[in-house]
């Protein structure tokens, strides 16, 4: 039983570290993409074109972003947030440990 507990704790740590790294990476990528979108639209609005041309463009870009986020929600049925991602990874770790118990110990 001690071996099972040690393996379970180690597996949980590995999954938690992977989940934290992935969540952190996705958060920074999302921030970078939002900054890029803002910079591109600002450049097009104030230097290249005027607000009269860019107003419908920004509307459709904003609405398209909302559609993408809603599509993510529809596919995963979860809100994109760090604490939820960590919780889901902990549940995955438990199911992996349960599979390990069924296959190895009993």
Protein backbone atom coordinates (compact mmCIF):
# COMPACT_ATOMS: atom_id res chain seq x y z
CA UNK A 1 0.00 0.00 0.00
CA UNK A 2 2.91 2.36 0.69
CA UNK A 3 4.15 1.81 -2.84
CA UNK A 4 0.74 2.76 -4.21
CA UNK A 5 0.64 5.92 -2.12
CA UNK A 6 4.14 6.93 -3.23
CA UNK A 7 3.31 6.30 -6.87
CA UNK A 8 0.05 8.22 -6.52
CA UNK A 9 1.71 11.21 -4.87
CA UNK A 10 4.47 11.28 -7.49
CA UNK A 11 1.95 11.00 -10.34
CA UNK A 12 -0.14 13.80 -8.84
CA UNK A 13 2.92 16.05 -8.58
CA UNK A 14 3.93 15.40 -12.18
CA UNK A 15 0.44 16.11 -13.48
CA UNK A 16 0.14 19.26 -11.35
CA UNK A 17 3.46 20.59 -12.66
CA UNK A 18 2.47 19.87 -16.28
CA UNK A 19 -0.94 21.48 -15.75
CA UNK A 20 0.57 24.59 -14.20
CA UNK A 21 3.13 24.97 -17.00
CA UNK A 22 0.51 24.50 -19.71
CA UNK A 23 -1.95 26.88 -18.07
CA UNK A 24 0.75 29.50 -17.60
CA UNK A 25 1.87 29.14 -21.22
CA UNK A 26 -1.68 29.41 -22.57
CA UNK A 27 -2.33 32.47 -20.41
CA UNK A 28 0.74 34.27 -21.75
CA UNK A 29 -0.03 33.26 -25.34
CA UNK A 30 -3.57 34.60 -24.93
CA UNK A 31 -2.26 37.88 -23.54
CA UNK A 32 0.24 38.17 -26.38
CA UNK A 33 -2.42 37.55 -29.02
CA UNK A 34 -4.78 40.11 -27.45
CA UNK A 35 -1.94 42.66 -27.37
CA UNK A 36 -1.12 41.92 -30.99
CA UNK A 37 -4.76 42.35 -31.98
CA UNK A 38 -4.97 45.65 -30.10
CA UNK A 39 -1.75 46.94 -31.64
CA UNK A 40 -2.76 45.95 -35.17
CA UNK A 41 -6.21 47.55 -34.88
CA UNK A 42 -4.74 50.70 -33.30
CA UNK A 43 -2.17 50.97 -36.09
CA UNK A 44 -4.82 50.54 -38.77
CA UNK A 45 -7.19 52.99 -37.06
CA UNK A 46 -4.83 55.91 -36.36
CA UNK A 47 -2.12 55.63 -39.01
CA UNK A 48 -3.25 53.67 -42.06
CA UNK A 49 -7.00 54.26 -42.27
CA UNK A 50 -9.57 56.29 -40.40
CA UNK A 51 -12.11 55.30 -37.79
CA UNK A 52 -14.87 55.35 -40.41
CA UNK A 53 -13.21 52.46 -42.22
CA UNK A 54 -11.99 50.58 -39.15
CA UNK A 55 -15.20 50.72 -37.09
CA UNK A 56 -16.88 47.79 -38.88
CA UNK A 57 -13.57 45.89 -38.95
CA UNK A 58 -13.13 46.20 -35.19
CA UNK A 59 -16.75 45.17 -34.67
CA UNK A 60 -16.29 41.97 -36.66
CA UNK A 61 -12.91 41.20 -35.09
CA UNK A 62 -14.41 41.63 -31.61
CA UNK A 63 -17.47 39.61 -32.48
CA UNK A 64 -15.31 36.92 -34.07
CA UNK A 65 -13.27 36.68 -30.86
CA UNK A 66 -16.46 36.22 -28.88
CA UNK A 67 -17.58 33.48 -31.28
CA UNK A 68 -14.23 31.69 -30.86
CA UNK A 69 -14.47 31.82 -27.06
CA UNK A 70 -18.05 30.54 -27.18
CA UNK A 71 -16.94 27.76 -29.54
CA UNK A 72 -14.25 26.79 -27.01
CA UNK A 73 -16.90 26.67 -24.31
CA UNK A 74 -19.23 24.56 -26.46
CA UNK A 75 -16.47 22.05 -27.26
CA UNK A 76 -15.07 21.71 -23.75
CA UNK A 77 -18.09 22.66 -21.62
CA UNK A 78 -15.85 24.55 -19.26
CA UNK A 79 -14.96 28.15 -18.62
CA UNK A 80 -11.36 29.00 -19.46
CA UNK A 81 -9.74 29.80 -16.10
CA UNK A 82 -6.65 28.71 -14.19
CA UNK A 83 -8.30 27.30 -11.07
CA UNK A 84 -10.74 25.23 -13.16
CA UNK A 85 -7.88 23.85 -15.28
CA UNK A 86 -5.95 22.78 -12.18
CA UNK A 87 -9.07 21.13 -10.75
CA UNK A 88 -9.68 19.20 -13.97
CA UNK A 89 -6.06 18.02 -14.01
CA UNK A 90 -6.42 16.80 -10.42
CA UNK A 91 -9.50 14.82 -11.44
CA UNK A 92 -7.56 13.34 -14.35
CA UNK A 93 -4.80 12.34 -11.95
CA UNK A 94 -7.33 10.57 -9.73
CA UNK A 95 -8.78 8.62 -12.64
CA UNK A 96 -5.27 7.65 -13.77
CA UNK A 97 -4.46 6.47 -10.26
CA UNK A 98 -7.73 4.53 -10.15
CA UNK A 99 -6.82 2.82 -13.43
CA UNK A 100 -3.42 2.00 -12.02
CA UNK A 101 -5.00 0.46 -8.91
CA UNK A 102 -7.37 -1.65 -10.97
CA UNK A 103 -4.59 -2.92 -13.21
CA UNK A 104 -1.76 -3.43 -10.73
CA UNK A 105 -2.80 -3.76 -7.11
CA UNK A 106 -6.03 -5.73 -7.18
